[in-house]
Amino acid sequence: MTGTGPRTEAAPPEETGDAGRSRRFQVLTRGTARPEGGGRAMGAHAPAPARQWPILVVCGAVLLGLVLVAADVTRAGLVLVGSALILGAVMRRLLPSVGMLAVRSRFTDMITYGVLGVLIVLLALMAQPHPVLEIPFLEDVVRFSVR
């Protein structure tokens, strides 16, 4: 077969004639790099839940917020959900290792958690009836999008 069909993996260095490493890129990925700061939050001596405490704190706060929303305490529940995401952004910035809270790069995680958290909190505070916060620009956006 001369060049027909896709290759599934790069040729080993011995087949390319190079004594060193092949200059070809591998087509088949052999492993996945852990995100920056994605190591254990505690040492290997600790049990698994303790090693992943940052994600458990954020998920626990979000779960508690959703329980509050289900119990008809909507505004407080949504503020708790948004605050949990903001807490996740702060932990991602300040802690060297956050375990499974690290999904992407540190910068991308901080921006994603922070922006979503702030938006959820702002929209929860603007919820009708009796909004706690009035931001005319966001009210216009909501009115325009709901029409």
N, C-alpha and C. Protein backbone atom coordinates (compact mmCIF):
# COMPACT_ATOMS: atom_id res chain seq x y z
N MET A 1 0.85 -1.16 0.00
CA MET A 1 0.00 0.00 0.00
C MET A 1 0.90 1.23 0.00
N THR A 2 0.75 2.06 -0.98
CA THR A 2 1.63 3.22 -1.08
C THR A 2 0.85 4.50 -0.84
N GLY A 3 0.76 4.91 0.41
CA GLY A 3 0.17 6.20 0.73
C GLY A 3 -1.34 6.26 0.66
N THR A 4 -2.04 5.13 0.60
CA THR A 4 -3.49 5.19 0.55
C THR A 4 -4.03 4.93 1.95
N GLY A 5 -4.98 5.73 2.37
CA GLY A 5 -5.61 5.54 3.67
C GLY A 5 -4.87 6.28 4.77
N PRO A 6 -5.57 6.59 5.83
CA PRO A 6 -4.94 7.31 6.94
C PRO A 6 -4.05 6.40 7.77
N ARG A 7 -2.99 6.97 8.29
CA ARG A 7 -2.10 6.22 9.18
C ARG A 7 -2.67 6.30 10.59
N THR A 8 -2.52 5.25 11.33
CA THR A 8 -3.05 5.25 12.68
C THR A 8 -2.02 5.63 13.72
N GLU A 9 -0.75 5.50 13.41
CA GLU A 9 0.28 5.93 14.34
C GLU A 9 1.57 6.22 13.58
N ALA A 10 2.42 7.03 14.18
CA ALA A 10 3.67 7.42 13.54
C ALA A 10 4.64 6.25 13.52
N ALA A 11 5.50 6.27 12.53
CA ALA A 11 6.50 5.22 12.41
C ALA A 11 7.53 5.37 13.51
N PRO A 12 8.01 4.26 14.08
CA PRO A 12 9.05 4.36 15.09
C PRO A 12 10.33 4.94 14.49
N PRO A 13 11.23 5.49 15.32
CA PRO A 13 12.45 6.12 14.81
C PRO A 13 13.31 5.18 13.98
N GLU A 14 13.28 3.88 14.28
CA GLU A 14 14.12 2.95 13.52
C GLU A 14 13.69 2.87 12.06
N GLU A 15 12.39 2.99 11.80
CA GLU A 15 11.89 2.89 10.44
C GLU A 15 12.11 4.16 9.64
N THR A 16 12.30 5.28 10.30
CA THR A 16 12.47 6.53 9.58
C THR A 16 13.92 6.78 9.21
N GLY A 17 14.84 5.97 9.74
CA GLY A 17 16.24 6.15 9.42
C GLY A 17 16.95 7.08 10.39
N ASP A 18 16.22 7.74 11.28
CA ASP A 18 16.84 8.62 12.27
C ASP A 18 17.33 7.80 13.44
N ALA A 19 18.49 8.13 13.94
CA ALA A 19 18.98 7.46 15.13
C ALA A 19 18.26 7.98 16.36
N GLY A 20 17.76 9.22 16.31
CA GLY A 20 17.05 9.83 17.45
C GLY A 20 15.56 9.64 17.31
N ARG A 21 14.83 10.62 17.77
CA ARG A 21 13.37 10.58 17.69
C ARG A 21 12.89 10.96 16.30
N SER A 22 11.74 10.45 15.94
CA SER A 22 11.12 10.80 14.68
C SER A 22 10.63 12.23 14.72
N ARG A 23 10.72 12.93 13.59
CA ARG A 23 10.24 14.30 13.52
C ARG A 23 8.76 14.35 13.15
N ARG A 24 8.17 13.22 12.87
CA ARG A 24 6.75 13.17 12.53
C ARG A 24 5.91 13.27 13.79
N PHE A 25 4.76 13.93 13.65
CA PHE A 25 3.83 14.01 14.77
C PHE A 25 3.08 12.70 14.89
N GLN A 26 2.81 12.31 16.10
CA GLN A 26 2.03 11.10 16.30
C GLN A 26 0.58 11.37 15.94
N VAL A 27 -0.03 10.45 15.25
CA VAL A 27 -1.43 10.58 14.90
C VAL A 27 -2.29 10.06 16.05
N LEU A 28 -1.82 9.03 16.72
CA LEU A 28 -2.55 8.43 17.82
C LEU A 28 -1.99 8.97 19.14
N THR A 29 -2.83 9.57 19.93
CA THR A 29 -2.40 10.11 21.21
C THR A 29 -2.25 8.98 22.21
N ARG A 30 -1.14 8.95 22.90
CA ARG A 30 -0.86 7.89 23.85
C ARG A 30 -1.29 8.23 25.27
N GLY A 31 -1.47 9.50 25.59
CA GLY A 31 -1.85 9.88 26.95
C GLY A 31 -2.43 11.28 26.95
N THR A 32 -2.94 11.67 28.08
CA THR A 32 -3.52 12.99 28.22
C THR A 32 -2.80 13.72 29.34
N ALA A 33 -2.40 14.93 29.08
CA ALA A 33 -1.73 15.72 30.10
C ALA A 33 -2.75 16.25 31.09
N ARG A 34 -2.40 16.21 32.36
CA ARG A 34 -3.26 16.74 33.41
C ARG A 34 -3.26 18.26 33.32
N PRO A 35 -4.42 18.92 33.54
CA PRO A 35 -4.45 20.38 33.49
C PRO A 35 -3.53 20.97 34.55
N GLU A 36 -3.06 22.18 34.30
CA GLU A 36 -2.20 22.88 35.25
C GLU A 36 -2.91 23.00 36.59
N GLY A 37 -2.30 22.50 37.66
CA GLY A 37 -2.92 22.54 38.97
C GLY A 37 -3.90 21.41 39.19
N GLY A 38 -3.93 20.42 38.31
CA GLY A 38 -4.89 19.34 38.41
C GLY A 38 -4.46 18.20 39.30
N GLY A 39 -3.36 18.36 40.03
CA GLY A 39 -2.91 17.31 40.93
C GLY A 39 -3.80 17.21 42.15
N ARG A 40 -3.51 16.23 43.00
CA ARG A 40 -4.30 16.04 44.22
C ARG A 40 -4.21 17.27 45.11
N ALA A 41 -5.32 17.60 45.76
CA ALA A 41 -5.33 18.73 46.68
C ALA A 41 -4.69 18.36 48.01
N MET A 42 -4.58 17.06 48.29
CA MET A 42 -3.89 16.55 49.48
C MET A 42 -3.05 15.37 49.04
N GLY A 43 -2.18 14.91 49.90
CA GLY A 43 -1.28 13.81 49.57
C GLY A 43 -1.99 12.49 49.37
N ALA A 44 -1.23 11.50 48.90
CA ALA A 44 -1.78 10.18 48.62
C ALA A 44 -2.21 9.46 49.89
N HIS A 45 -1.72 9.89 51.05
CA HIS A 45 -2.07 9.25 52.32
C HIS A 45 -3.53 9.52 52.71
N ALA A 46 -4.12 10.59 52.21
CA ALA A 46 -5.50 10.95 52.56
C ALA A 46 -6.48 10.13 51.75
N PRO A 47 -7.69 9.89 52.30
CA PRO A 47 -8.70 9.16 51.51
C PRO A 47 -9.13 9.97 50.29
N ALA A 48 -9.73 9.30 49.32
CA ALA A 48 -10.09 9.93 48.04
C ALA A 48 -10.95 11.18 48.20
N PRO A 49 -12.01 11.18 49.04
CA PRO A 49 -12.81 12.42 49.16
C PRO A 49 -11.99 13.59 49.70
N ALA A 50 -11.09 13.33 50.61
CA ALA A 50 -10.28 14.42 51.17
C ALA A 50 -9.31 14.98 50.14
N ARG A 51 -8.86 14.13 49.22
CA ARG A 51 -7.93 14.61 48.18
C ARG A 51 -8.64 15.51 47.18
N GLN A 52 -9.94 15.38 47.05
CA GLN A 52 -10.70 16.16 46.08
C GLN A 52 -11.61 17.17 46.77
N TRP A 53 -11.21 17.71 47.90
CA TRP A 53 -12.08 18.60 48.68
C TRP A 53 -12.50 19.86 47.92
N PRO A 54 -11.69 20.46 47.03
CA PRO A 54 -12.17 21.67 46.36
C PRO A 54 -13.42 21.44 45.51
N ILE A 55 -13.44 20.38 44.72
CA ILE A 55 -14.62 20.13 43.89
C ILE A 55 -15.80 19.71 44.75
N LEU A 56 -15.55 19.03 45.86
CA LEU A 56 -16.64 18.64 46.75
C LEU A 56 -17.27 19.85 47.43
N VAL A 57 -16.47 20.84 47.79
CA VAL A 57 -17.01 22.06 48.39
C VAL A 57 -17.90 22.80 47.39
N VAL A 58 -17.40 22.96 46.16
CA VAL A 58 -18.17 23.69 45.13
C VAL A 58 -19.45 22.92 44.79
N CYS A 59 -19.34 21.62 44.56
CA CYS A 59 -20.53 20.83 44.21
C CYS A 59 -21.52 20.77 45.38
N GLY A 60 -21.02 20.70 46.61
CA GLY A 60 -21.91 20.69 47.77
C GLY A 60 -22.68 22.00 47.90
N ALA A 61 -22.00 23.13 47.68
CA ALA A 61 -22.68 24.43 47.75
C ALA A 61 -23.70 24.57 46.63
N VAL A 62 -23.36 24.10 45.43
CA VAL A 62 -24.33 24.15 44.31
C VAL A 62 -25.53 23.27 44.62
N LEU A 63 -25.30 22.08 45.17
CA LEU A 63 -26.39 21.18 45.52
C LEU A 63 -27.29 21.80 46.58
N LEU A 64 -26.69 22.41 47.59
CA LEU A 64 -27.49 23.08 48.62
C LEU A 64 -28.31 24.23 48.02
N GLY A 65 -27.71 24.98 47.09
CA GLY A 65 -28.44 26.05 46.41
C GLY A 65 -29.61 25.52 45.60
N LEU A 66 -29.42 24.39 44.92
CA LEU A 66 -30.51 23.81 44.15
C LEU A 66 -31.62 23.27 45.05
N VAL A 67 -31.24 22.75 46.22
CA VAL A 67 -32.26 22.31 47.19
C VAL A 67 -33.07 23.52 47.66
N LEU A 68 -32.41 24.65 47.89
CA LEU A 68 -33.13 25.86 48.28
C LEU A 68 -34.07 26.33 47.18
N VAL A 69 -33.62 26.25 45.93
CA VAL A 69 -34.49 26.62 44.80
C VAL A 69 -35.70 25.69 44.77
N ALA A 70 -35.50 24.40 44.99
CA ALA A 70 -36.62 23.45 44.99
C ALA A 70 -37.56 23.69 46.16
N ALA A 71 -37.03 24.25 47.27
CA ALA A 71 -37.86 24.54 48.44
C ALA A 71 -38.51 25.92 48.34
N ASP A 72 -38.47 26.52 47.16
CA ASP A 72 -39.11 27.80 46.88
C ASP A 72 -38.45 28.99 47.59
N VAL A 73 -37.16 28.88 47.82
CA VAL A 73 -36.35 30.00 48.30
C VAL A 73 -35.40 30.33 47.14
N THR A 74 -35.99 30.74 46.03
CA THR A 74 -35.29 30.82 44.76
C THR A 74 -34.12 31.78 44.77
N ARG A 75 -34.33 32.99 45.21
CA ARG A 75 -33.27 34.00 45.14
C ARG A 75 -32.06 33.58 45.97
N ALA A 76 -32.27 33.15 47.19
CA ALA A 76 -31.16 32.74 48.05
C ALA A 76 -30.43 31.53 47.46
N GLY A 77 -31.20 30.60 46.90
CA GLY A 77 -30.59 29.41 46.30
C GLY A 77 -29.72 29.75 45.11
N LEU A 78 -30.21 30.64 44.24
CA LEU A 78 -29.43 31.02 43.06
C LEU A 78 -28.21 31.85 43.43
N VAL A 79 -28.33 32.69 44.45
CA VAL A 79 -27.17 33.44 44.91
C VAL A 79 -26.12 32.46 45.46
N LEU A 80 -26.55 31.42 46.14
CA LEU A 80 -25.62 30.41 46.65
C LEU A 80 -24.95 29.65 45.50
N VAL A 81 -25.70 29.32 44.46
CA VAL A 81 -25.11 28.64 43.29
C VAL A 81 -24.05 29.53 42.64
N GLY A 82 -24.38 30.80 42.41
CA GLY A 82 -23.41 31.72 41.81
C GLY A 82 -22.20 31.94 42.70
N SER A 83 -22.43 32.05 44.01
CA SER A 83 -21.33 32.23 44.94
C SER A 83 -20.41 31.01 44.97
N ALA A 84 -20.98 29.83 44.82
CA ALA A 84 -20.16 28.62 44.77
C ALA A 84 -19.24 28.64 43.56
N LEU A 85 -19.75 29.11 42.42
CA LEU A 85 -18.90 29.20 41.23
C LEU A 85 -17.81 30.26 41.40
N ILE A 86 -18.14 31.37 42.04
CA ILE A 86 -17.13 32.38 42.32
C ILE A 86 -16.08 31.82 43.27
N LEU A 87 -16.51 31.06 44.27
CA LEU A 87 -15.57 30.41 45.18
C LEU A 87 -14.67 29.45 44.42
N GLY A 88 -15.22 28.74 43.45
CA GLY A 88 -14.41 27.85 42.62
C GLY A 88 -13.35 28.62 41.85
N ALA A 89 -13.71 29.80 41.33
CA ALA A 89 -12.73 30.63 40.61
C ALA A 89 -11.63 31.11 41.54
N VAL A 90 -12.01 31.50 42.76
CA VAL A 90 -11.01 31.96 43.74
C VAL A 90 -10.09 30.82 44.14
N MET A 91 -10.66 29.64 44.40
CA MET A 91 -9.81 28.49 44.76
C MET A 91 -8.88 28.11 43.61
N ARG A 92 -9.40 28.20 42.39
CA ARG A 92 -8.57 27.86 41.22
C ARG A 92 -7.40 28.81 41.10
N ARG A 93 -7.59 30.07 41.49
CA ARG A 93 -6.53 31.06 41.41
C ARG A 93 -5.52 30.91 42.54
N LEU A 94 -6.00 30.67 43.77
CA LEU A 94 -5.12 30.73 44.93
C LEU A 94 -4.45 29.41 45.29
N LEU A 95 -5.11 28.29 45.05
CA LEU A 95 -4.54 27.01 45.46
C LEU A 95 -3.65 26.44 44.37
N PRO A 96 -2.51 25.87 44.74
CA PRO A 96 -1.62 25.31 43.71
C PRO A 96 -2.18 24.06 43.05
N SER A 97 -2.89 23.22 43.81
CA SER A 97 -3.50 22.01 43.26
C SER A 97 -4.94 21.92 43.75
N VAL A 98 -5.86 21.75 42.82
CA VAL A 98 -7.28 21.70 43.17
C VAL A 98 -7.95 20.42 42.71
N GLY A 99 -7.19 19.45 42.28
CA GLY A 99 -7.76 18.17 41.89
C GLY A 99 -8.67 18.29 40.68
N MET A 100 -9.86 17.72 40.79
CA MET A 100 -10.78 17.66 39.66
C MET A 100 -11.47 18.99 39.37
N LEU A 101 -11.26 20.01 40.19
CA LEU A 101 -11.77 21.34 39.89
C LEU A 101 -11.04 21.93 38.69
N ALA A 102 -9.84 21.45 38.42
CA ALA A 102 -9.06 21.89 37.26
C ALA A 102 -9.53 21.11 36.04
N VAL A 103 -10.15 21.81 35.11
CA VAL A 103 -10.65 21.16 33.90
C VAL A 103 -9.83 21.59 32.69
N ARG A 104 -9.59 22.89 32.61
CA ARG A 104 -8.83 23.46 31.50
C ARG A 104 -7.63 24.17 32.09
N SER A 105 -7.08 25.13 31.39
CA SER A 105 -5.96 25.89 31.94
C SER A 105 -6.47 26.73 33.11
N ARG A 106 -5.56 27.16 33.96
CA ARG A 106 -5.94 27.94 35.15
C ARG A 106 -6.71 29.20 34.74
N PHE A 107 -6.20 29.91 33.74
CA PHE A 107 -6.84 31.15 33.29
C PHE A 107 -8.26 30.89 32.77
N THR A 108 -8.42 29.88 31.94
CA THR A 108 -9.73 29.58 31.36
C THR A 108 -10.71 29.16 32.45
N ASP A 109 -10.27 28.34 33.40
CA ASP A 109 -11.14 27.93 34.50
C ASP A 109 -11.58 29.13 35.33
N MET A 110 -10.63 30.02 35.66
CA MET A 110 -10.97 31.19 36.47
C MET A 110 -11.99 32.08 35.77
N ILE A 111 -11.77 32.33 34.48
CA ILE A 111 -12.70 33.18 33.73
C ILE A 111 -14.07 32.52 33.62
N THR A 112 -14.10 31.23 33.32
CA THR A 112 -15.38 30.53 33.16
C THR A 112 -16.17 30.51 34.46
N TYR A 113 -15.54 30.05 35.54
CA TYR A 113 -16.24 29.99 36.83
C TYR A 113 -16.65 31.39 37.29
N GLY A 114 -15.75 32.35 37.15
CA GLY A 114 -16.03 33.70 37.63
C GLY A 114 -17.15 34.39 36.88
N VAL A 115 -17.10 34.35 35.55
CA VAL A 115 -18.13 35.03 34.75
C VAL A 115 -19.49 34.37 34.96
N LEU A 116 -19.55 33.05 34.94
CA LEU A 116 -20.83 32.38 35.16
C LEU A 116 -21.37 32.66 36.56
N GLY A 117 -20.49 32.65 37.56
CA GLY A 117 -20.92 32.93 38.93
C GLY A 117 -21.46 34.34 39.09
N VAL A 118 -20.75 35.32 38.54
CA VAL A 118 -21.19 36.71 38.65
C VAL A 118 -22.52 36.91 37.91
N LEU A 119 -22.66 36.33 36.73
CA LEU A 119 -23.92 36.46 35.99
C LEU A 119 -25.09 35.84 36.74
N ILE A 120 -24.88 34.67 37.33
CA ILE A 120 -25.96 34.02 38.06
C ILE A 120 -26.37 34.86 39.27
N VAL A 121 -25.38 35.40 40.00
CA VAL A 121 -25.69 36.23 41.16
C VAL A 121 -26.42 37.50 40.73
N LEU A 122 -25.93 38.18 39.68
CA LEU A 122 -26.59 39.41 39.22
C LEU A 122 -28.02 39.15 38.77
N LEU A 123 -28.22 38.11 37.99
CA LEU A 123 -29.57 37.82 37.51
C LEU A 123 -30.49 37.38 38.65
N ALA A 124 -29.94 36.69 39.65
CA ALA A 124 -30.77 36.30 40.80
C ALA A 124 -31.19 37.53 41.59
N LEU A 125 -30.29 38.50 41.72
CA LEU A 125 -30.63 39.71 42.47
C LEU A 125 -31.59 40.61 41.69
N MET A 126 -31.66 40.43 40.38
CA MET A 126 -32.57 41.23 39.56
C MET A 126 -33.92 40.55 39.32
N ALA A 127 -34.10 39.35 39.86
CA ALA A 127 -35.31 38.58 39.58
C ALA A 127 -36.56 39.29 40.11
N GLN A 128 -37.63 39.18 39.37
CA GLN A 128 -38.92 39.77 39.74
C GLN A 128 -39.69 38.78 40.60
N PRO A 129 -40.57 39.14 41.43
CA PRO A 129 -40.92 40.49 41.86
C PRO A 129 -39.97 40.99 42.94
N HIS A 130 -39.98 42.26 43.15
CA HIS A 130 -39.16 42.94 44.15
C HIS A 130 -37.67 42.69 43.95
N PRO A 131 -37.11 43.20 42.86
CA PRO A 131 -35.67 42.99 42.65
C PRO A 131 -34.84 43.73 43.71
N VAL A 132 -33.77 43.11 44.12
CA VAL A 132 -32.84 43.70 45.08
C VAL A 132 -31.91 44.68 44.36
N LEU A 133 -31.61 44.38 43.12
CA LEU A 133 -30.66 45.16 42.33
C LEU A 133 -31.31 45.54 41.01
N GLU A 134 -31.14 46.80 40.61
CA GLU A 134 -31.68 47.24 39.33
C GLU A 134 -30.54 47.76 38.46
N ILE A 135 -30.30 47.06 37.36
CA ILE A 135 -29.28 47.47 36.39
C ILE A 135 -30.00 47.67 35.06
N PRO A 136 -30.18 48.95 34.64
CA PRO A 136 -30.98 49.22 33.43
C PRO A 136 -30.48 48.49 32.18
N PHE A 137 -29.19 48.41 32.00
CA PHE A 137 -28.65 47.75 30.80
C PHE A 137 -29.07 46.29 30.76
N LEU A 138 -28.95 45.59 31.88
CA LEU A 138 -29.33 44.18 31.90
C LEU A 138 -30.83 44.00 31.79
N GLU A 139 -31.61 44.93 32.33
CA GLU A 139 -33.07 44.85 32.18
C GLU A 139 -33.45 44.97 30.70
N ASP A 140 -32.78 45.86 29.97
CA ASP A 140 -33.05 46.00 28.53
C ASP A 140 -32.67 44.73 27.78
N VAL A 141 -31.56 44.13 28.15
CA VAL A 141 -31.13 42.88 27.50
C VAL A 141 -32.15 41.78 27.74
N VAL A 142 -32.61 41.66 28.98
CA VAL A 142 -33.59 40.63 29.30
C VAL A 142 -34.90 40.88 28.57
N ARG A 143 -35.37 42.11 28.55
CA ARG A 143 -36.61 42.43 27.84
C ARG A 143 -36.49 42.13 26.34
N PHE A 144 -35.33 42.49 25.76
CA PHE A 144 -35.13 42.26 24.34
C PHE A 144 -35.08 40.77 24.01
N SER A 145 -34.47 39.98 24.88
CA SER A 145 -34.31 38.55 24.59
C SER A 145 -35.57 37.75 24.90
N VAL A 146 -36.46 38.25 25.75
CA VAL A 146 -37.64 37.49 26.14
C VAL A 146 -38.81 37.77 25.20
N ARG A 147 -38.79 38.87 24.48
CA ARG A 147 -39.92 39.22 23.59
C ARG A 147 -40.38 38.13 22.75
